[in-house]
Amino acid sequence: MIRALWSAASGMNAQQLNVDVISNNLANVNTTAFKRDRAEFQDLIYQTLQTEDVNGGQGKPVNMQVGVGVRPSAIVKDFSEGSLQETDNPLDVALDGEGFFAVLGPDGNTYYTRDGSFKLSVDQNTATLTTADGYPVLDDGGNPITFDSTQKDISISPLGVISVKNPDGTQQDVATLGIYNFQNPDGLLDKGDNLYEATAASGSPGTRDDFQGRMGNVRQGFLETSNVQVVNEMVNMIAAQRAYELNSKAIQAADDMLSIANNLRR
């Protein structure tokens, strides 16, 4: 009965984490390029109550074992692509396929994002392409993308080449968006603000040449929506809530059994 209490308690803790993950997914249903999380679980170690011996034809070839609960094993990021929503804003870009934009974080490190809701930060005569939070967007050489503030009509090709119109009406290519991919995107570290950091688990960032056929094209005037499916998340929420409730009933049942055992009279 004590074992049942611990097993059910671990089940309640696991489902609480599951609800936390699902709630965060639902909270970010309208966050640009948000990627949903999924909690994964593993059973805990088993206690062997009796080991069967089949030597000489004696016994049964099945051990008597009982589990002691469940534990969270991972929270996995689902990097499947969200829908593309047309905005007609020339500074909004989306990746139609795999890949990440590179941005310069406030600490000087390079981070990666799928959020292409870019802005222009103008300082005197220089315009810098930034994220909505003001982080500079990097080109394919790792440098912030800047151009003269007198240049207008930004155009971005499917391969990420940025061109602008000079005051005399001529077009000029000023930079190419830095677009990268990873062998294991699940290994990226989520830093919040739609930013990810490369880790040893994700592998080093690679360019379009390194990922032939696995890099998306740039769609100007579009934004990627969250890949959260509200109906699926609500179904998962109900299932987690029911599992939590059943584990609480298991604790109540074990407690009732302990109470009966304690009240037995000789």
Protein backbone atom coordinates (compact mmCIF):
# COMPACT_ATOMS: atom_id res chain seq x y z
CA MET A 1 0.00 0.00 0.00
CA ILE A 2 2.90 2.35 0.75
CA ARG A 3 4.23 1.53 -2.71
CA ALA A 4 0.86 2.47 -4.19
CA LEU A 5 1.00 5.84 -2.46
CA TRP A 6 4.41 6.66 -3.94
CA SER A 7 3.47 5.40 -7.39
CA ALA A 8 0.28 7.44 -7.49
CA ALA A 9 2.07 10.51 -6.13
CA SER A 10 4.66 10.27 -8.91
CA GLY A 11 1.78 9.98 -11.38
CA MET A 12 0.20 13.17 -10.05
CA ASN A 13 3.52 15.02 -10.29
CA ALA A 14 4.00 13.80 -13.85
CA GLN A 15 0.53 14.89 -14.93
CA GLN A 16 1.01 18.26 -13.25
CA LEU A 17 4.07 18.78 -15.44
CA ASN A 18 2.05 17.60 -18.44
CA VAL A 19 -0.65 20.19 -17.70
CA ASP A 20 2.02 22.89 -17.30
CA VAL A 21 3.45 22.09 -20.73
CA ILE A 22 0.03 22.02 -22.40
CA SER A 23 -0.97 25.30 -20.72
CA ASN A 24 2.16 26.98 -22.07
CA ASN A 25 1.32 25.71 -25.55
CA LEU A 26 -2.19 27.15 -25.33
CA ALA A 27 -0.89 30.46 -23.97
CA ASN A 28 1.31 30.82 -27.06
CA VAL A 29 -1.27 29.82 -29.65
CA ASN A 30 -0.97 33.26 -31.29
CA THR A 31 2.79 33.70 -30.80
CA THR A 32 4.60 34.11 -34.12
CA ALA A 33 6.53 30.95 -35.09
CA PHE A 34 6.02 29.37 -31.65
CA LYS A 35 6.83 25.66 -31.49
CA ARG A 36 4.76 23.48 -29.18
CA ASP A 37 6.32 21.32 -26.48
CA ARG A 38 5.49 17.73 -25.61
CA ALA A 39 6.25 16.07 -22.28
CA GLU A 40 7.60 12.52 -22.37
CA PHE A 41 7.67 10.07 -19.46
CA GLN A 42 9.41 6.85 -18.43
CA ASP A 43 8.56 4.26 -15.82
CA LEU A 44 10.72 4.14 -12.70
CA ILE A 45 12.75 1.17 -11.56
CA TYR A 46 10.99 -2.09 -10.74
CA GLN A 47 11.20 -3.89 -7.43
CA THR A 48 11.73 -7.62 -7.82
CA LEU A 49 9.58 -9.38 -5.25
CA GLN A 50 10.50 -12.90 -6.34
CA THR A 51 12.92 -14.36 -8.86
CA GLU A 52 11.81 -17.56 -10.52
CA ASP A 53 14.26 -20.38 -11.17
CA VAL A 54 13.65 -22.71 -14.11
CA ASN A 55 16.64 -24.95 -13.46
CA GLY A 56 15.62 -28.60 -13.50
CA GLY A 57 12.16 -27.72 -14.76
CA GLN A 58 11.16 -26.15 -11.45
CA GLY A 59 9.22 -22.92 -11.20
CA LYS A 60 7.83 -20.55 -13.82
CA PRO A 61 9.98 -18.47 -16.20
CA VAL A 62 8.40 -15.20 -15.03
CA ASN A 63 9.78 -12.96 -12.30
CA MET A 64 7.48 -11.17 -9.89
CA GLN A 65 8.16 -7.46 -10.30
CA VAL A 66 6.21 -4.31 -9.53
CA GLY A 67 6.87 -0.75 -10.66
CA VAL A 68 7.21 2.22 -8.36
CA GLY A 69 5.86 5.01 -10.52
CA VAL A 70 6.72 7.34 -13.37
CA ARG A 71 9.14 10.18 -14.01
CA PRO A 72 9.45 12.89 -16.69
CA SER A 73 12.16 11.97 -19.18
CA ALA A 74 12.11 14.93 -21.59
CA ILE A 75 10.21 17.93 -22.86
CA VAL A 76 10.53 17.76 -26.63
CA LYS A 77 10.13 20.72 -28.97
CA ASP A 78 7.97 20.06 -32.05
CA PHE A 79 9.65 21.92 -34.90
CA SER A 80 7.00 21.12 -37.48
CA GLU A 81 6.16 24.14 -39.61
CA GLY A 82 3.23 26.38 -38.74
CA SER A 83 0.91 27.91 -41.31
CA LEU A 84 2.05 30.93 -43.31
CA GLN A 85 -0.09 34.02 -42.84
CA GLU A 86 0.09 36.81 -45.41
CA THR A 87 0.70 40.28 -43.94
CA ASP A 88 1.78 42.33 -47.00
CA ASN A 89 4.45 43.91 -44.78
CA PRO A 90 7.77 43.88 -46.69
CA LEU A 91 9.68 43.47 -43.41
CA ASP A 92 7.77 40.31 -42.48
CA VAL A 93 9.47 37.15 -43.71
CA ALA A 94 8.83 33.47 -43.15
CA LEU A 95 10.79 30.33 -43.92
CA ASP A 96 8.77 27.94 -46.06
CA GLY A 97 10.54 24.83 -44.80
CA GLU A 98 13.41 24.08 -42.44
CA GLY A 99 15.90 26.62 -41.15
CA PHE A 100 16.44 29.50 -38.74
CA PHE A 101 17.34 33.17 -39.03
CA ALA A 102 20.43 34.30 -37.11
CA VAL A 103 20.30 37.28 -34.73
CA LEU A 104 22.77 38.98 -32.43
CA GLY A 105 21.70 38.75 -28.80
CA PRO A 106 22.22 41.45 -26.14
CA ASP A 107 25.14 39.44 -24.72
CA GLY A 108 26.96 39.41 -28.05
CA ASN A 109 26.18 35.76 -28.78
CA THR A 110 24.44 34.48 -31.90
CA TYR A 111 20.94 33.09 -31.48
CA TYR A 112 18.50 31.54 -33.92
CA THR A 113 14.82 32.18 -34.54
CA ARG A 114 11.93 31.31 -36.83
CA ASP A 115 10.23 34.62 -36.06
CA GLY A 116 10.63 36.84 -39.10
CA SER A 117 8.67 39.87 -37.89
CA PHE A 118 11.59 42.20 -38.57
CA LYS A 119 11.80 45.97 -38.02
CA LEU A 120 14.07 48.81 -39.07
CA SER A 121 16.10 50.70 -36.47
CA VAL A 122 17.32 54.01 -37.90
CA ASP A 123 20.29 55.79 -36.33
CA GLN A 124 21.18 58.97 -38.20
CA ASN A 125 21.93 57.79 -41.76
CA THR A 126 22.11 54.05 -41.05
CA ALA A 127 19.19 51.62 -40.97
CA THR A 128 19.64 48.27 -39.20
CA LEU A 129 17.37 45.27 -39.70
CA THR A 130 16.31 43.98 -36.27
CA THR A 131 13.86 41.65 -34.58
CA ALA A 132 10.78 43.00 -32.83
CA ASP A 133 12.87 43.14 -29.62
CA GLY A 134 15.61 45.16 -31.30
CA TYR A 135 18.18 42.38 -31.80
CA PRO A 136 20.17 42.89 -35.04
CA VAL A 137 19.49 40.35 -37.78
CA LEU A 138 22.70 38.81 -39.14
CA ASP A 139 23.73 38.21 -42.73
CA ASP A 140 25.37 35.06 -44.08
CA GLY A 141 28.73 36.36 -42.86
CA GLY A 142 27.57 36.86 -39.28
CA ASN A 143 27.38 40.66 -39.51
CA PRO A 144 24.40 42.90 -38.70
CA ILE A 145 22.43 43.85 -41.81
CA THR A 146 22.66 47.60 -42.36
CA PHE A 147 22.15 49.98 -45.26
CA ASP A 148 21.74 53.68 -45.92
CA SER A 149 18.52 55.11 -44.53
CA THR A 150 17.91 56.89 -47.84
CA GLN A 151 17.51 53.53 -49.59
CA LYS A 152 13.88 52.41 -49.79
CA ASP A 153 11.63 49.59 -51.03
CA ILE A 154 13.23 46.55 -49.43
CA SER A 155 12.92 43.38 -51.48
CA ILE A 156 13.94 39.91 -50.26
CA SER A 157 14.39 37.01 -52.69
CA PRO A 158 13.49 33.37 -51.93
CA LEU A 159 17.19 32.74 -51.19
CA GLY A 160 17.31 35.64 -48.74
CA VAL A 161 19.08 38.23 -50.91
CA ILE A 162 18.08 41.71 -49.69
CA SER A 163 17.94 44.48 -52.26
CA VAL A 164 16.93 48.12 -51.86
CA LYS A 165 16.17 51.01 -54.19
CA ASN A 166 18.65 53.87 -54.28
CA PRO A 167 17.49 57.51 -54.48
CA ASP A 168 18.29 57.45 -58.21
CA GLY A 169 15.90 54.51 -58.73
CA THR A 170 18.52 51.78 -59.22
CA GLN A 171 18.34 48.48 -57.31
CA GLN A 172 21.23 47.40 -55.08
CA ASP A 173 21.87 44.11 -53.29
CA VAL A 174 22.98 44.96 -49.75
CA ALA A 175 23.10 41.62 -47.92
CA THR A 176 21.92 38.02 -47.76
CA LEU A 177 19.97 36.80 -44.75
CA GLY A 178 21.90 34.36 -42.60
CA ILE A 179 19.80 31.18 -42.71
CA TYR A 180 21.02 28.10 -40.88
CA ASN A 181 19.90 24.61 -39.97
CA PHE A 182 20.94 21.92 -37.49
CA GLN A 183 21.36 18.18 -37.63
CA ASN A 184 19.32 17.88 -34.43
CA PRO A 185 17.04 20.90 -33.87
CA ASP A 186 15.57 19.15 -30.81
CA GLY A 187 18.91 19.79 -29.11
CA LEU A 188 18.56 23.58 -29.35
CA LEU A 189 18.26 25.44 -26.05
CA ASP A 190 15.12 27.57 -25.83
CA LYS A 191 16.11 31.01 -24.50
CA GLY A 192 12.66 32.61 -24.65
CA ASP A 193 11.72 35.57 -26.86
CA ASN A 194 11.49 33.08 -29.77
CA LEU A 195 15.27 32.60 -29.60
CA TYR A 196 17.24 29.35 -29.59
CA GLU A 197 20.88 28.71 -28.76
CA ALA A 198 23.06 26.09 -30.42
CA THR A 199 24.37 23.34 -28.13
CA ALA A 200 26.54 20.26 -28.43
CA ALA A 201 23.33 18.24 -28.74
CA SER A 202 22.02 20.30 -31.67
CA GLY A 203 25.31 20.33 -33.53
CA SER A 204 26.92 23.31 -35.22
CA PRO A 205 24.80 25.52 -37.49
CA GLY A 206 25.04 24.67 -41.18
CA THR A 207 24.31 26.71 -44.28
CA ARG A 208 22.18 25.92 -47.32
CA ASP A 209 25.20 24.23 -48.92
CA ASP A 210 25.48 21.90 -45.91
CA PHE A 211 21.79 20.96 -45.99
CA GLN A 212 21.03 20.36 -49.65
CA GLY A 213 17.27 20.06 -50.09
CA ARG A 214 16.58 20.67 -46.40
CA MET A 215 16.47 24.46 -46.26
CA GLY A 216 13.32 26.49 -46.71
CA ASN A 217 12.88 29.44 -49.02
CA VAL A 218 12.16 32.94 -47.77
CA ARG A 219 8.60 34.23 -48.24
CA GLN A 220 8.47 38.02 -48.02
CA GLY A 221 5.22 39.50 -46.74
CA PHE A 222 4.35 36.39 -44.70
CA LEU A 223 4.72 35.30 -41.08
CA GLU A 224 4.75 31.78 -39.71
CA THR A 225 2.02 31.14 -37.16
CA SER A 226 2.26 28.94 -34.09
CA ASN A 227 2.08 25.20 -34.76
CA VAL A 228 -0.18 24.70 -31.72
CA GLN A 229 -3.47 22.96 -32.59
CA VAL A 230 -5.98 24.15 -30.00
CA VAL A 231 -8.32 21.15 -30.31
CA ASN A 232 -5.47 18.66 -29.88
CA GLU A 233 -4.12 20.55 -26.88
CA MET A 234 -7.54 20.63 -25.23
CA VAL A 235 -7.92 16.87 -25.74
CA ASN A 236 -4.46 16.37 -24.21
CA MET A 237 -5.41 18.66 -21.32
CA ILE A 238 -8.56 16.64 -20.56
CA ALA A 239 -6.59 13.37 -20.70
CA ALA A 240 -3.94 14.77 -18.34
CA GLN A 241 -6.61 16.05 -15.97
CA ARG A 242 -8.34 12.67 -15.89
CA ALA A 243 -5.03 10.88 -15.28
CA TYR A 244 -4.30 13.29 -12.42
CA GLU A 245 -7.74 12.60 -10.95
CA LEU A 246 -7.32 8.82 -11.22
CA ASN A 247 -3.96 8.97 -9.45
CA SER A 248 -5.52 11.01 -6.66
CA LYS A 249 -8.22 8.34 -6.30
CA ALA A 250 -5.51 5.68 -6.10
CA ILE A 251 -3.97 7.60 -3.19
CA GLN A 252 -7.37 7.79 -1.49
CA ALA A 253 -7.89 4.05 -2.00
CA ALA A 254 -4.44 3.23 -0.57
CA ASP A 255 -5.13 5.53 2.38
CA ASP A 256 -8.46 3.79 3.05
CA MET A 257 -6.75 0.39 2.94
CA LEU A 258 -4.09 1.58 5.40
CA SER A 259 -6.81 2.91 7.68
CA ILE A 260 -8.62 -0.45 7.60
CA ALA A 261 -5.38 -2.29 8.35
CA ASN A 262 -4.59 0.03 11.26
CA ASN A 263 -8.06 -0.49 12.75
CA LEU A 264 -7.89 -4.28 12.71
CA ARG A 265 -8.28 -5.83 16.15
CA ARG A 266 -6.68 -9.06 17.22
